[in-house]
Amino acid sequence: MFQSFLSLTFKGIRYRPLRSWLTVIGIVIGIMLVVIILSLSGGLKNVINRQLQMFGSDLLMVLPGKESNLILGLFGGQKFAYSDIKDLERLPGVRTAAPFDIGTLNAEFRGEKKPVFVHSSRWDVLRPIFEESMGTSLADGHWPKDENSNEIMLGYLAANTLFKNKVRSGDEIIVQSKRLRVAGIFETMGNRDDDNSFYMSWDLFHLISGIKPGAMTAVVRVQPGYDPNLVARQVRFELAKQKEVEEFTILTPVRTTAIVGNIIGVVELVLVIIAFVSLLVGAVGIMNTMYTSVLERTKQIGIMKAVGASRDSIMSLFLIESGIIGLVGGLLGIVFGLAASYGIGVAAESYGAPDLFNWAAVDYFELLVILIITFITGVLSGVLPARAASRLEPAEALRYE
């Protein structure tokens, strides 16, 4: 009996392939989003935590603006005075305080011109932060020995992919019409923005850029044995005395991790809501398809009832059909979701974020649960159309045109 129902079901689906597949697509989209979320959320947290660990557990970030809107504060034009940042080094527990200014300048290498993102600070504080706190080493060359030397440092991608010709230590690059020598090239830092940047001494940057001196951000290095949270409170109290930036944020490693976790949680929640809305739309689509199927097969239902088919048999036929539509949609959603997650993982690796997607981390039990849910969704969507079909009177069904 069940095999007969399956045969009739597949014949019905083949009879209206376009409508059936359009209904399946509604399920596929929702399930694909759910699978992508499940597949990438763990990897995304690992990637971000790895980036935070590379940043250094003894570093504090000082940024202008409120914590709730750091982007606006960062690009709002507010800057700390250089002296206010350097004065932080007098606080107990502060090892160094490095002011950073950032800008986009024009660079030329062997006739090829490109806009480049430039970070500036003092070499004497930048080097220990990069080498000791962040674990960043040089792929080529050396650190500049003099703050006043016309030398720059390049990120790994800036040296190897920004221009047609690869840049090496000792080469000359023209930045804002000033000829500078490349002292060294960093190993990859795992962050595409940093790897694509130029690094320049504080005085040289402001000399050739014409940008008004000021610290767009600052990095405070905590002395060993001191609590970063306690030092952060001292830094906040000290910076509250300055007049240049009214509102500012100090990020500790713990606070940064919490903020990132909250952001990921909100993104996951939004995507899950979108996925379930899409699944609900797919369920409505299945219901609509099954109602249409009942109308198209009214005469067939009448014949089946005339030869002795019971109400339960008719109802089972339509429930199996709606369940199969949901099952196929769920199966394709899982396949496409895993394929999309793998593609995103490959793309992320090329941008310096490896292991975003890992086959070993895929929870196949969760995928099985998703498949069962889509089947149940399909069956439930077919309940009302199936009841309508089972209640048709044979005589009326046979007269239906």
Protein backbone atom coordinates (compact mmCIF):
# COMPACT_ATOMS: atom_id res chain seq x y z
CA MET A 1 0.00 0.00 0.00
CA PHE A 2 2.75 2.45 0.98
CA GLN A 3 4.62 1.75 -2.27
CA SER A 4 1.45 2.52 -4.21
CA PHE A 5 1.09 5.82 -2.35
CA LEU A 6 4.71 6.70 -3.15
CA SER A 7 4.18 5.87 -6.82
CA LEU A 8 1.07 8.06 -7.01
CA THR A 9 2.89 10.84 -5.12
CA PHE A 10 5.84 10.96 -7.51
CA LYS A 11 3.50 10.85 -10.50
CA GLY A 12 1.63 13.83 -9.07
CA ILE A 13 4.89 15.77 -8.54
CA ARG A 14 6.07 14.96 -12.08
CA TYR A 15 2.72 16.14 -13.42
CA ARG A 16 3.38 19.69 -12.13
CA PRO A 17 7.20 19.95 -11.87
CA LEU A 18 7.48 23.76 -12.05
CA ARG A 19 5.02 24.41 -9.24
CA SER A 20 6.51 21.64 -7.10
CA TRP A 21 10.08 22.89 -7.50
CA LEU A 22 9.10 26.48 -6.80
CA THR A 23 7.53 25.26 -3.57
CA VAL A 24 10.66 23.27 -2.74
CA ILE A 25 12.82 26.38 -3.25
CA GLY A 26 10.93 28.16 -0.46
CA ILE A 27 12.01 25.40 1.93
CA VAL A 28 15.55 25.28 0.51
CA ILE A 29 16.24 28.97 1.22
CA GLY A 30 15.23 28.75 4.88
CA ILE A 31 17.11 25.52 5.56
CA MET A 32 20.20 26.75 3.70
CA LEU A 33 20.37 29.80 5.98
CA VAL A 34 20.03 27.63 9.09
CA VAL A 35 22.80 25.29 7.91
CA ILE A 36 25.12 28.20 7.10
CA ILE A 37 24.55 29.65 10.57
CA LEU A 38 25.23 26.32 12.28
CA SER A 39 28.28 25.59 10.13
CA LEU A 40 30.00 28.96 10.42
CA SER A 41 29.06 30.32 13.85
CA GLY A 42 31.57 28.17 15.75
CA GLY A 43 34.32 28.83 13.21
CA LEU A 44 33.59 32.57 13.26
CA LYS A 45 33.97 32.69 17.03
CA ASN A 46 37.26 30.77 16.80
CA VAL A 47 38.60 33.11 14.10
CA ILE A 48 37.71 36.21 16.12
CA ASN A 49 39.13 34.78 19.34
CA ARG A 50 42.33 33.92 17.48
CA GLN A 51 42.53 37.49 16.19
CA LEU A 52 42.01 38.83 19.72
CA GLN A 53 44.74 36.55 21.07
CA MET A 54 47.08 37.82 18.35
CA PHE A 55 46.29 41.37 19.41
CA GLY A 56 47.71 40.63 22.84
CA SER A 57 46.23 40.04 26.26
CA ASP A 58 48.30 42.89 27.73
CA LEU A 59 47.01 45.60 25.39
CA LEU A 60 44.23 48.15 25.85
CA MET A 61 42.59 49.95 22.92
CA VAL A 62 41.61 53.60 23.38
CA LEU A 63 39.06 54.83 20.84
CA PRO A 64 37.05 58.05 20.49
CA GLY A 65 33.26 57.75 20.71
CA LYS A 66 30.75 55.66 22.60
CA GLU A 67 31.11 51.91 22.83
CA SER A 68 27.69 51.53 21.20
CA ASN A 69 28.87 53.38 18.07
CA LEU A 70 32.63 53.05 17.72
CA ILE A 71 32.59 53.44 13.92
CA LEU A 72 31.06 56.91 14.15
CA GLY A 73 33.56 57.90 16.82
CA LEU A 74 36.53 56.53 14.89
CA PHE A 75 35.70 58.42 11.70
CA GLY A 76 34.09 61.43 13.34
CA GLY A 77 37.28 63.48 13.16
CA GLN A 78 37.99 63.55 16.91
CA LYS A 79 41.60 63.01 17.97
CA PHE A 80 43.42 62.82 21.25
CA ALA A 81 46.36 65.17 21.80
CA TYR A 82 49.69 63.41 21.47
CA SER A 83 50.77 64.65 24.90
CA ASP A 84 47.62 63.31 26.58
CA ILE A 85 48.38 59.80 25.33
CA LYS A 86 52.08 59.94 26.25
CA ASP A 87 51.18 61.18 29.76
CA LEU A 88 49.48 57.82 30.37
CA GLU A 89 52.93 56.25 30.70
CA ARG A 90 53.23 57.88 34.13
CA LEU A 91 50.36 55.76 35.47
CA PRO A 92 51.14 52.66 37.58
CA GLY A 93 50.87 49.53 35.46
CA VAL A 94 51.28 51.27 32.10
CA ARG A 95 54.36 50.07 30.26
CA THR A 96 53.96 52.11 27.08
CA ALA A 97 51.24 54.23 25.48
CA ALA A 98 51.35 54.36 21.71
CA PRO A 99 49.35 57.04 19.88
CA PHE A 100 48.22 56.05 16.37
CA ASP A 101 47.15 58.28 13.52
CA ILE A 102 45.71 56.87 10.33
CA GLY A 103 45.18 58.21 6.82
CA THR A 104 44.93 57.32 3.15
CA LEU A 105 47.86 58.54 1.05
CA ASN A 106 48.92 58.10 -2.59
CA ALA A 107 51.81 55.72 -3.23
CA GLU A 108 53.76 55.02 -6.41
CA PHE A 109 56.00 52.05 -7.12
CA ARG A 110 57.73 51.63 -10.49
CA GLY A 111 55.24 53.89 -12.24
CA GLU A 112 52.13 52.28 -10.70
CA LYS A 113 50.06 54.51 -8.43
CA LYS A 114 47.72 53.28 -5.69
CA PRO A 115 45.94 54.80 -2.68
CA VAL A 116 47.25 53.14 0.49
CA PHE A 117 46.13 53.01 4.11
CA VAL A 118 48.89 54.30 6.40
CA HIS A 119 49.30 53.75 10.16
CA SER A 120 51.67 56.03 12.03
CA SER A 121 53.23 55.86 15.46
CA ARG A 122 56.68 56.00 17.02
CA TRP A 123 58.98 53.11 16.12
CA ASP A 124 60.30 52.77 19.68
CA VAL A 125 56.83 51.89 21.03
CA LEU A 126 55.46 50.22 17.90
CA ARG A 127 58.18 47.57 17.73
CA PRO A 128 57.65 46.00 21.20
CA ILE A 129 53.87 46.03 20.70
CA PHE A 130 54.17 44.20 17.39
CA GLU A 131 56.94 41.78 18.35
CA GLU A 132 56.20 41.02 22.01
CA SER A 133 52.45 41.55 22.47
CA MET A 134 51.17 40.62 19.01
CA GLY A 135 53.88 38.13 18.04
CA THR A 136 54.39 39.75 14.62
CA SER A 137 57.73 39.08 12.95
CA LEU A 138 59.40 40.38 9.80
CA ALA A 139 59.36 38.47 6.54
CA ASP A 140 62.09 40.64 5.08
CA GLY A 141 64.34 43.54 6.10
CA HIS A 142 64.63 45.26 9.48
CA TRP A 143 62.95 47.85 11.66
CA PRO A 144 63.88 51.52 11.05
CA LYS A 145 66.58 52.61 13.45
CA ASP A 146 65.75 56.32 13.46
CA GLU A 147 62.48 58.18 13.84
CA ASN A 148 63.71 60.78 11.38
CA SER A 149 64.87 58.38 8.67
CA ASN A 150 62.88 58.34 5.45
CA GLU A 151 61.89 54.68 5.91
CA ILE A 152 58.60 52.84 6.00
CA MET A 153 57.31 49.34 6.79
CA LEU A 154 54.84 47.39 4.66
CA GLY A 155 52.23 44.78 5.50
CA TYR A 156 52.56 41.40 3.84
CA LEU A 157 49.82 41.91 1.23
CA ALA A 158 50.83 45.51 0.57
CA ALA A 159 54.27 44.26 -0.40
CA ASN A 160 53.22 41.19 -2.38
CA THR A 161 49.87 41.92 -4.03
CA LEU A 162 49.15 45.66 -4.01
CA PHE A 163 51.40 46.45 -6.98
CA LYS A 164 52.11 44.41 -10.10
CA ASN A 165 55.75 44.13 -9.01
CA LYS A 166 56.45 42.76 -5.55
CA VAL A 167 58.07 45.16 -3.13
CA ARG A 168 61.15 44.08 -1.20
CA SER A 169 63.18 45.69 1.56
CA GLY A 170 65.55 48.27 0.15
CA ASP A 171 63.15 49.26 -2.65
CA GLU A 172 62.03 52.86 -2.96
CA ILE A 173 58.38 53.94 -2.94
CA ILE A 174 57.08 57.44 -3.56
CA VAL A 175 54.44 58.46 -1.00
CA GLN A 176 52.81 61.85 -1.48
CA SER A 177 55.68 62.91 -3.80
CA LYS A 178 58.32 61.96 -1.19
CA ARG A 179 60.75 59.15 -1.97
CA LEU A 180 60.95 56.64 0.89
CA ARG A 181 62.92 53.45 1.38
CA VAL A 182 61.25 50.21 2.48
CA ALA A 183 63.01 49.12 5.67
CA GLY A 184 61.08 45.90 6.29
CA ILE A 185 58.03 43.81 5.44
CA PHE A 186 55.85 42.14 8.07
CA GLU A 187 54.78 38.54 8.07
CA THR A 188 51.04 38.14 7.62
CA MET A 189 49.11 39.29 10.69
CA GLY A 190 45.97 37.33 9.82
CA ASN A 191 44.02 40.52 9.20
CA ARG A 192 43.62 41.71 5.62
CA ASP A 193 43.34 45.40 6.54
CA ASP A 194 46.57 45.34 8.54
CA ASP A 195 48.34 43.24 5.91
CA ASN A 196 47.38 45.78 3.23
CA SER A 197 48.69 48.79 5.16
CA PHE A 198 51.82 50.91 5.20
CA TYR A 199 53.47 51.82 8.51
CA MET A 200 55.27 55.11 9.03
CA SER A 201 56.86 57.09 11.84
CA TRP A 202 54.68 59.70 13.55
CA ASP A 203 56.62 62.80 12.45
CA LEU A 204 57.17 61.60 8.87
CA PHE A 205 53.47 60.80 8.40
CA HIS A 206 52.30 64.24 9.47
CA LEU A 207 55.08 65.94 7.53
CA ILE A 208 54.22 64.45 4.13
CA SER A 209 50.45 64.09 4.59
CA GLY A 210 49.66 67.58 5.88
CA ILE A 211 47.22 66.00 8.35
CA LYS A 212 46.93 67.80 11.68
CA PRO A 213 48.79 65.78 14.35
CA GLY A 214 46.59 63.89 16.77
CA ALA A 215 45.94 60.35 17.93
CA MET A 216 42.94 58.81 16.19
CA THR A 217 43.45 55.73 18.41
CA ALA A 218 45.92 54.63 21.06
CA VAL A 219 47.27 51.34 22.35
CA VAL A 220 48.26 51.04 26.01
CA ARG A 221 50.58 48.20 26.97
CA VAL A 222 50.07 46.89 30.51
CA GLN A 223 53.04 45.92 32.65
CA PRO A 224 53.32 42.24 33.65
CA GLY A 225 51.54 41.41 36.90
CA TYR A 226 49.00 44.22 36.65
CA ASP A 227 45.27 43.69 36.13
CA PRO A 228 44.31 45.11 32.69
CA ASN A 229 40.83 46.00 33.98
CA LEU A 230 42.28 48.02 36.87
CA VAL A 231 44.74 49.76 34.55
CA ALA A 232 41.87 50.51 32.15
CA ARG A 233 39.99 52.30 34.95
CA GLN A 234 43.06 54.38 35.75
CA VAL A 235 43.50 55.27 32.08
CA ARG A 236 39.84 56.28 31.86
CA PHE A 237 40.17 58.54 34.91
CA GLU A 238 43.29 60.19 33.48
CA LEU A 239 41.85 60.72 29.99
CA ALA A 240 38.69 62.20 31.46
CA LYS A 241 40.80 65.27 32.30
CA GLN A 242 41.67 66.02 28.65
CA LYS A 243 39.50 68.35 26.54
CA GLU A 244 40.06 67.10 22.99
CA VAL A 245 37.69 64.10 23.00
CA GLU A 246 34.53 64.28 25.08
CA GLU A 247 33.48 60.64 24.81
CA PHE A 248 35.86 57.72 24.45
CA THR A 249 35.97 53.97 24.91
CA ILE A 250 38.65 51.76 26.44
CA LEU A 251 38.54 48.14 25.30
CA THR A 252 40.18 45.44 27.38
CA PRO A 253 40.68 41.94 25.93
CA VAL A 254 37.80 40.61 28.04
CA ARG A 255 35.48 43.44 27.05
CA THR A 256 36.37 43.10 23.39
CA THR A 257 35.58 39.38 23.48
CA ALA A 258 32.22 40.11 25.12
CA ILE A 259 31.33 42.76 22.53
CA VAL A 260 32.23 40.43 19.66
CA GLY A 261 30.18 37.64 21.25
CA ASN A 262 27.17 39.93 21.57
CA ILE A 263 27.48 41.04 17.94
CA ILE A 264 27.71 37.46 16.73
CA GLY A 265 24.73 36.53 18.89
CA VAL A 266 22.60 39.32 17.41
CA VAL A 267 23.63 38.40 13.86
CA GLU A 268 22.80 34.74 14.52
CA LEU A 269 19.42 35.67 15.99
CA VAL A 270 18.52 37.87 12.99
CA LEU A 271 19.57 35.16 10.53
CA VAL A 272 17.64 32.49 12.43
CA ILE A 273 14.50 34.68 12.37
CA ILE A 274 14.95 35.22 8.62
CA ALA A 275 15.45 31.49 8.16
CA PHE A 276 12.26 30.57 10.06
CA VAL A 277 10.26 33.23 8.21
CA SER A 278 11.52 31.71 4.98
CA LEU A 279 10.57 28.25 6.27
CA LEU A 280 7.09 29.54 7.16
CA VAL A 281 6.72 30.98 3.65
CA GLY A 282 7.79 27.61 2.28
CA ALA A 283 5.17 25.87 4.45
CA VAL A 284 2.47 28.21 3.10
CA GLY A 285 3.73 27.42 -0.39
CA ILE A 286 3.37 23.69 0.27
CA MET A 287 -0.17 24.24 1.55
CA ASN A 288 -1.07 26.26 -1.52
CA THR A 289 0.44 23.64 -3.83
CA MET A 290 -1.48 20.85 -2.11
CA TYR A 291 -4.79 22.74 -2.28
CA THR A 292 -4.21 23.28 -5.99
CA SER A 293 -3.34 19.59 -6.32
CA VAL A 294 -6.64 18.65 -4.67
CA LEU A 295 -8.56 20.75 -7.22
CA GLU A 296 -6.61 19.33 -10.15
CA ARG A 297 -7.06 15.75 -8.99
CA THR A 298 -10.66 15.95 -7.83
CA LYS A 299 -11.80 13.49 -10.49
CA GLN A 300 -8.93 11.11 -9.62
CA ILE A 301 -9.98 11.26 -5.97
CA GLY A 302 -13.56 10.44 -6.98
CA ILE A 303 -12.39 7.39 -8.94
CA MET A 304 -10.27 6.19 -6.02
CA LYS A 305 -13.21 6.54 -3.65
CA ALA A 306 -15.52 4.81 -6.12
CA VAL A 307 -13.25 1.74 -6.18
CA GLY A 308 -13.13 1.57 -2.39
CA ALA A 309 -10.38 3.95 -1.19
CA SER A 310 -11.06 5.12 2.36
CA ARG A 311 -10.80 8.67 3.72
CA ASP A 312 -7.64 7.71 5.60
CA SER A 313 -6.04 6.42 2.41
CA ILE A 314 -6.82 9.63 0.52
CA MET A 315 -5.53 11.71 3.40
CA SER A 316 -2.36 9.62 3.68
CA LEU A 317 -1.71 10.08 -0.05
CA PHE A 318 -1.65 13.87 0.22
CA LEU A 319 0.23 13.90 3.52
CA ILE A 320 2.97 11.73 2.03
CA GLU A 321 3.19 14.05 -0.96
CA SER A 322 3.49 17.20 1.18
CA GLY A 323 5.98 15.46 3.47
CA ILE A 324 8.16 14.46 0.51
CA ILE A 325 8.15 18.05 -0.78
CA GLY A 326 9.32 19.23 2.65
CA LEU A 327 11.91 16.43 2.85
CA VAL A 328 13.35 17.20 -0.59
CA GLY A 329 13.48 20.90 0.27
CA GLY A 330 15.29 20.13 3.53
CA LEU A 331 17.76 17.77 1.86
CA LEU A 332 18.62 20.28 -0.88
CA GLY A 333 18.80 23.07 1.69
CA ILE A 334 21.38 21.07 3.68
CA VAL A 335 23.42 20.28 0.56
CA PHE A 336 23.39 23.88 -0.70
CA GLY A 337 23.98 25.22 2.82
CA LEU A 338 27.09 23.06 3.31
CA ALA A 339 28.33 23.99 -0.18
CA ALA A 340 27.81 27.70 0.55
CA SER A 341 29.54 27.36 3.94
CA TYR A 342 32.50 25.65 2.30
CA GLY A 343 32.69 28.41 -0.35
CA ILE A 344 32.56 31.10 2.34
CA GLY A 345 35.30 29.28 4.25
CA VAL A 346 37.55 29.15 1.18
CA ALA A 347 36.94 32.84 0.46
CA ALA A 348 37.62 33.75 4.11
CA GLU A 349 40.90 31.83 4.05
CA SER A 350 42.09 33.92 1.11
CA TYR A 351 41.32 37.00 3.23
CA GLY A 352 43.42 35.76 6.12
CA ALA A 353 40.74 33.98 8.18
CA PRO A 354 41.52 30.24 8.01
CA ASP A 355 39.36 27.47 9.52
CA LEU A 356 36.12 29.43 9.32
CA PHE A 357 34.52 26.25 7.99
CA ASN A 358 35.68 22.77 8.95
CA TRP A 359 34.05 19.53 7.83
CA ALA A 360 35.08 17.88 11.08
CA ALA A 361 33.11 20.49 13.03
CA VAL A 362 29.84 19.80 11.18
CA ASP A 363 27.23 18.34 13.54
CA TYR A 364 25.48 15.68 11.45
CA PHE A 365 22.95 14.99 14.21
CA GLU A 366 21.77 18.61 13.91
CA LEU A 367 21.44 18.14 10.15
CA LEU A 368 19.34 15.02 10.75
CA VAL A 369 17.10 16.99 13.13
CA ILE A 370 16.72 19.70 10.47
CA LEU A 371 15.70 17.06 7.94
CA ILE A 372 13.09 15.64 10.31
CA ILE A 373 11.76 19.14 11.02
CA THR A 374 11.34 19.89 7.30
CA PHE A 375 9.51 16.60 6.79
CA ILE A 376 7.18 17.34 9.71
CA THR A 377 6.68 20.90 8.41
CA GLY A 378 5.70 19.48 5.03
CA VAL A 379 3.29 16.99 6.59
CA LEU A 380 1.65 19.63 8.81
CA SER A 381 1.32 21.96 5.81
CA GLY A 382 -0.56 19.25 3.98
CA VAL A 383 -3.04 18.44 6.76
CA LEU A 384 -5.79 20.88 5.74
CA PRO A 385 -5.59 20.13 1.98
CA ALA A 386 -5.49 16.39 2.77
CA ARG A 387 -8.63 16.67 4.94
CA ALA A 388 -10.36 18.60 2.18
CA ALA A 389 -9.47 15.85 -0.30
CA SER A 390 -10.59 13.02 2.01
CA ARG A 391 -14.02 14.64 2.54
CA LEU A 392 -14.92 14.90 -1.14
CA GLU A 393 -18.03 12.93 -2.03
CA PRO A 394 -17.38 10.37 -4.83
CA ALA A 395 -20.38 11.44 -6.94
CA GLU A 396 -19.49 15.15 -6.77
CA ALA A 397 -15.81 14.43 -7.46
CA LEU A 398 -16.61 12.37 -10.55
CA ARG A 399 -18.79 15.19 -11.94
CA TYR A 400 -16.03 17.81 -11.36
CA GLU A 401 -14.53 19.32 -14.51
